[in-house]
C-alpha atoms as a PDB file:
ATOM      1  CA  MET A   1     -35.639   0.986 -20.805  1.00  0.00           C
ATOM      2  CA  ILE A   2     -34.490  -0.756 -18.089  1.00  0.00           C
ATOM      3  CA  LEU A   3     -30.672  -0.621 -19.201  1.00  0.00           C
ATOM      4  CA  ILE A   4     -31.337   3.455 -19.014  1.00  0.00           C
ATOM      5  CA  PHE A   5     -32.537   3.530 -15.307  1.00  0.00           C
ATOM      6  CA  SER A   6     -29.739   1.126 -14.186  1.00  0.00           C
ATOM      7  CA  PHE A   7     -27.107   3.352 -15.880  1.00  0.00           C
ATOM      8  CA  ILE A   8     -28.773   6.317 -13.985  1.00  0.00           C
ATOM      9  CA  PHE A   9     -28.801   4.520 -10.858  1.00  0.00           C
ATOM     10  CA  LYS A  10     -24.927   3.320 -10.881  1.00  0.00           C
ATOM     11  CA  CYS A  11     -24.125   7.028 -11.687  1.00  0.00           C
ATOM     12  CA  PHE A  12     -26.099   8.114  -8.699  1.00  0.00           C
ATOM     13  CA  ILE A  13     -24.813   5.297  -6.253  1.00  0.00           C
ATOM     14  CA  SER A  14     -21.275   6.229  -7.175  1.00  0.00           C
ATOM     15  CA  ILE A  15     -21.808  10.031  -7.047  1.00  0.00           C
ATOM     16  CA  LEU A  16     -23.212   9.041  -3.775  1.00  0.00           C
ATOM     17  CA  LEU A  17     -19.978   7.307  -2.857  1.00  0.00           C
ATOM     18  CA  LEU A  18     -17.782   9.375  -3.634  1.00  0.00           C
ATOM     19  CA  LEU A  19     -19.381  12.053  -1.401  1.00  0.00           C
ATOM     20  CA  PHE A  20     -19.811   9.592   1.126  1.00  0.00           C
ATOM     21  CA  SER A  21     -16.150   8.758   1.032  1.00  0.00           C
ATOM     22  CA  THR A  22     -14.692  12.061   0.501  1.00  0.00           C
ATOM     23  CA  ASN A  23     -15.976  13.181   3.664  1.00  0.00           C
ATOM     24  CA  TYR A  24     -16.251  10.255   6.429  1.00  0.00           C
ATOM     25  CA  LEU A  25     -13.410   8.381   4.872  1.00  0.00           C
ATOM     26  CA  VAL A  26     -10.616  11.505   4.916  1.00  0.00           C
ATOM     27  CA  LYS A  27     -10.149  13.041   7.808  1.00  0.00           C
ATOM     28  CA  ASN A  28      -8.439  16.332   5.765  1.00  0.00           C
ATOM     29  CA  LYS A  29     -11.087  17.615   3.239  1.00  0.00           C
ATOM     30  CA  LEU A  30      -9.860  17.476  -0.022  1.00  0.00           C
ATOM     31  CA  ASP A  31      -9.511  20.670  -2.123  1.00  0.00           C
ATOM     32  CA  SER A  32     -12.479  21.222  -4.698  1.00  0.00           C
ATOM     33  CA  SER A  33     -10.423  20.673  -7.920  1.00  0.00           C
ATOM     34  CA  SER A  34      -9.519  17.298  -6.660  1.00  0.00           C
ATOM     35  CA  ASN A  35     -12.679  16.567  -6.164  1.00  0.00           C
ATOM     36  CA  ILE A  36     -14.367  18.018  -9.410  1.00  0.00           C
ATOM     37  CA  ASN A  37     -11.660  15.873 -11.181  1.00  0.00           C
ATOM     38  CA  LEU A  38     -12.412  12.369  -8.705  1.00  0.00           C
ATOM     39  CA  SER A  39     -16.337  13.057  -9.425  1.00  0.00           C
ATOM     40  CA  ILE A  40     -15.676  13.332 -13.090  1.00  0.00           C
ATOM     41  CA  LEU A  41     -13.359  10.565 -13.002  1.00  0.00           C
ATOM     42  CA  ASN A  42     -15.824   8.318 -10.773  1.00  0.00           C
ATOM     43  CA  LEU A  43     -18.652   9.069 -13.355  1.00  0.00           C
ATOM     44  CA  SER A  44     -16.947   8.346 -16.666  1.00  0.00           C
ATOM     45  CA  SER A  45     -14.923   5.188 -15.430  1.00  0.00           C
ATOM     46  CA  ILE A  46     -18.577   4.054 -13.854  1.00  0.00           C
ATOM     47  CA  SER A  47     -20.409   4.932 -17.495  1.00  0.00           C
ATOM     48  CA  LEU A  48     -17.603   3.224 -18.907  1.00  0.00           C
ATOM     49  CA  LEU A  49     -17.051  -0.040 -17.484  1.00  0.00           C
ATOM     50  CA  SER A  50     -21.556  -0.558 -16.673  1.00  0.00           C
ATOM     51  CA  CYS A  51     -22.010   0.172 -20.369  1.00  0.00           C
ATOM     52  CA  LEU A  52     -18.872  -2.616 -21.232  1.00  0.00           C
ATOM     53  CA  TYR A  53     -20.474  -5.209 -19.420  1.00  0.00           C
ATOM     54  CA  SER A  54     -23.879  -4.750 -20.290  1.00  0.00           C
ATOM     55  CA  PHE A  55     -22.781  -5.088 -24.446  1.00  0.00           C
ATOM     56  CA  THR A  56     -20.424  -8.165 -23.111  1.00  0.00           C
ATOM     57  CA  SER A  57     -21.849 -11.489 -23.063  1.00  0.00           C
ATOM     58  CA  ASP A  58     -21.596 -13.071 -19.374  1.00  0.00           C
ATOM     59  CA  SER A  59     -19.449 -15.781 -21.202  1.00  0.00           C
ATOM     60  CA  ASN A  60     -16.958 -13.425 -22.902  1.00  0.00           C
ATOM     61  CA  LEU A  61     -16.443 -10.566 -21.013  1.00  0.00           C
ATOM     62  CA  PHE A  62     -13.145  -9.598 -22.920  1.00  0.00           C
ATOM     63  CA  LEU A  63     -14.740  -5.997 -23.586  1.00  0.00           C
ATOM     64  CA  TYR A  64     -14.957  -5.190 -20.299  1.00  0.00           C
ATOM     65  CA  ILE A  65     -11.425  -6.486 -19.256  1.00  0.00           C
ATOM     66  CA  ILE A  66      -9.914  -3.909 -22.347  1.00  0.00           C
ATOM     67  CA  GLY A  67     -12.072  -1.291 -20.291  1.00  0.00           C
ATOM     68  CA  MET A  68     -10.704  -1.349 -17.458  1.00  0.00           C
ATOM     69  CA  VAL A  69      -7.112  -1.691 -18.232  1.00  0.00           C
ATOM     70  CA  PRO A  70      -7.123   2.254 -18.768  1.00  0.00           C
ATOM     71  CA  ILE A  71      -9.220   2.898 -15.582  1.00  0.00           C
ATOM     72  CA  THR A  72      -6.472   0.709 -13.809  1.00  0.00           C
ATOM     73  CA  PHE A  73      -3.773   2.757 -15.223  1.00  0.00           C
ATOM     74  CA  ILE A  74      -5.714   6.407 -14.422  1.00  0.00           C
ATOM     75  CA  PHE A  75      -6.293   5.314 -10.700  1.00  0.00           C
ATOM     76  CA  LEU A  76      -2.179   4.044 -10.237  1.00  0.00           C
ATOM     77  CA  MET A  77      -1.314   7.294 -11.604  1.00  0.00           C
ATOM     78  CA  TYR A  78      -3.863   9.289  -9.125  1.00  0.00           C
ATOM     79  CA  MET A  79      -2.784   7.417  -6.642  1.00  0.00           C
ATOM     80  CA  ASN A  80       0.992   7.876  -7.298  1.00  0.00           C
ATOM     81  CA  ASN A  81       0.474  11.425  -7.596  1.00  0.00           C
ATOM     82  CA  ASP A  82      -1.475  12.276  -4.320  1.00  0.00           C
ATOM     83  CA  LYS A  83       0.112  10.074  -1.589  1.00  0.00           C
ATOM     84  CA  THR A  84      -1.794  10.781   1.599  1.00  0.00           C
ATOM     85  CA  ASN A  85      -5.470   9.660  -0.313  1.00  0.00           C
ATOM     86  CA  LYS A  86      -4.268   6.461  -1.169  1.00  0.00           C
ATOM     87  CA  GLU A  87      -7.347   4.563   0.504  1.00  0.00           C
ATOM     88  CA  LEU A  88      -9.724   6.606  -1.103  1.00  0.00           C
ATOM     89  CA  TYR A  89      -8.735   6.134  -4.218  1.00  0.00           C
ATOM     90  CA  LEU A  90      -8.824   2.157  -3.249  1.00  0.00           C
ATOM     91  CA  ILE A  91     -11.963   2.171  -2.120  1.00  0.00           C
ATOM     92  CA  LEU A  92     -13.533   4.393  -5.059  1.00  0.00           C
ATOM     93  CA  PHE A  93     -11.664   2.009  -7.710  1.00  0.00           C
ATOM     94  CA  THR A  94     -13.330  -1.091  -5.859  1.00  0.00           C
ATOM     95  CA  ASN A  95     -17.083   1.162  -5.987  1.00  0.00           C
ATOM     96  CA  ILE A  96     -16.430   1.331  -9.408  1.00  0.00           C
ATOM     97  CA  ILE A  97     -15.500  -2.024 -10.397  1.00  0.00           C
ATOM     98  CA  LEU A  98     -18.094  -3.642  -7.952  1.00  0.00           C
ATOM     99  CA  LEU A  99     -20.958  -1.185  -9.130  1.00  0.00           C
ATOM    100  CA  SER A 100     -20.594  -1.724 -12.589  1.00  0.00           C
ATOM    101  CA  LEU A 101     -20.756  -5.852 -12.058  1.00  0.00           C
ATOM    102  CA  ASN A 102     -23.994  -5.018 -10.732  1.00  0.00           C
ATOM    103  CA  TYR A 103     -23.030  -5.660  -6.805  1.00  0.00           C
ATOM    104  CA  PHE A 104     -24.786  -3.040  -5.076  1.00  0.00           C
ATOM    105  CA  PHE A 105     -25.235  -4.483  -1.629  1.00  0.00           C
ATOM    106  CA  ILE A 106     -22.064  -5.590  -1.542  1.00  0.00           C
ATOM    107  CA  VAL A 107     -20.979  -1.794  -2.469  1.00  0.00           C
ATOM    108  CA  ILE A 108     -23.058  -0.631   0.386  1.00  0.00           C
ATOM    109  CA  ILE A 109     -22.119  -3.650   3.090  1.00  0.00           C
ATOM    110  CA  LEU A 110     -18.297  -2.420   2.006  1.00  0.00           C
ATOM    111  CA  ASN A 111     -18.897   1.592   2.585  1.00  0.00           C
ATOM    112  CA  ILE A 112     -20.252   0.697   6.053  1.00  0.00           C
ATOM    113  CA  ILE A 113     -17.488  -1.661   7.508  1.00  0.00           C
ATOM    114  CA  TYR A 114     -15.499   1.788   5.702  1.00  0.00           C
ATOM    115  CA  TYR A 115     -17.654   4.243   7.662  1.00  0.00           C
ATOM    116  CA  VAL A 116     -17.861   2.484  10.854  1.00  0.00           C
ATOM    117  CA  ASN A 117     -13.880   1.643  11.023  1.00  0.00           C
ATOM    118  CA  SER A 118     -13.119   5.433   9.979  1.00  0.00           C
ATOM    119  CA  ILE A 119     -15.211   6.115  13.210  1.00  0.00           C
ATOM    120  CA  TYR A 120     -14.402   3.903  15.961  1.00  0.00           C
ATOM    121  CA  PHE A 121     -11.024   3.050  14.577  1.00  0.00           C
ATOM    122  CA  GLU A 122      -9.149   4.033  17.760  1.00  0.00           C
ATOM    123  CA  GLN A 123     -11.918   1.833  20.064  1.00  0.00           C
ATOM    124  CA  PHE A 124     -11.107  -1.062  18.179  1.00  0.00           C
ATOM    125  CA  ASN A 125      -7.407  -0.315  18.292  1.00  0.00           C
ATOM    126  CA  ILE A 126      -8.150   0.122  21.664  1.00  0.00           C
ATOM    127  CA  PHE A 127      -9.473  -3.093  22.523  1.00  0.00           C
ATOM    128  CA  PHE A 128      -7.384  -5.335  20.555  1.00  0.00           C
ATOM    129  CA  LYS A 129      -4.227  -3.924  21.359  1.00  0.00           C
ATOM    130  CA  ASN A 130      -5.130  -3.950  25.538  1.00  0.00           C
ATOM    131  CA  ASP A 131      -1.825  -6.441  26.085  1.00  0.00           C
ATOM    132  CA  ASP A 132      -1.434  -4.999  29.757  1.00  0.00           C
ATOM    133  CA  GLN A 133      -4.699  -6.203  31.252  1.00  0.00           C
ATOM    134  CA  PHE A 134      -3.830  -9.748  30.969  1.00  0.00           C
ATOM    135  CA  ASP A 135      -0.117 -10.042  31.594  1.00  0.00           C
ATOM    136  CA  ASN A 136      -0.727 -12.850  34.533  1.00  0.00           C
ATOM    137  CA  ASP A 137      -0.410 -16.189  33.482  1.00  0.00           C
ATOM    138  CA  ASP A 138      -2.002 -17.784  36.728  1.00  0.00           C
ATOM    139  CA  MET A 139      -5.185 -15.965  35.309  1.00  0.00           C
ATOM    140  CA  VAL A 140      -8.459 -18.444  36.333  1.00  0.00           C
ATOM    141  CA  LEU A 141     -10.762 -18.501  33.323  1.00  0.00           C
END
């Protein structure tokens, strides 16, 4: 019973993070057909990997690694076809792997960091690249 609730929770979180990533991390919106394909890919991979992880023992993750090979290959094909949204596919791929391994809080923290970076990227860039302000060598601290 707990396995079913965990599976439903993982699928819900993966769809929520997919919507989060496509709306906030990608500046230009994706078209609806690729968004549907991406959600199907996201749900199928999270369901496959979470089932394989729950059926394998902790000492032997051979089935989980076998399941990761085709999913990695599919994500590499998506990244090769769509050169503009490589960061989106990498973020979704890391979300899928970490969710299937039951690292919920790390996924949430990583997505908050990505979100803050996407909003305040220009401010961070100005803050860290402001070299013309400190050109004097005789500055007293």
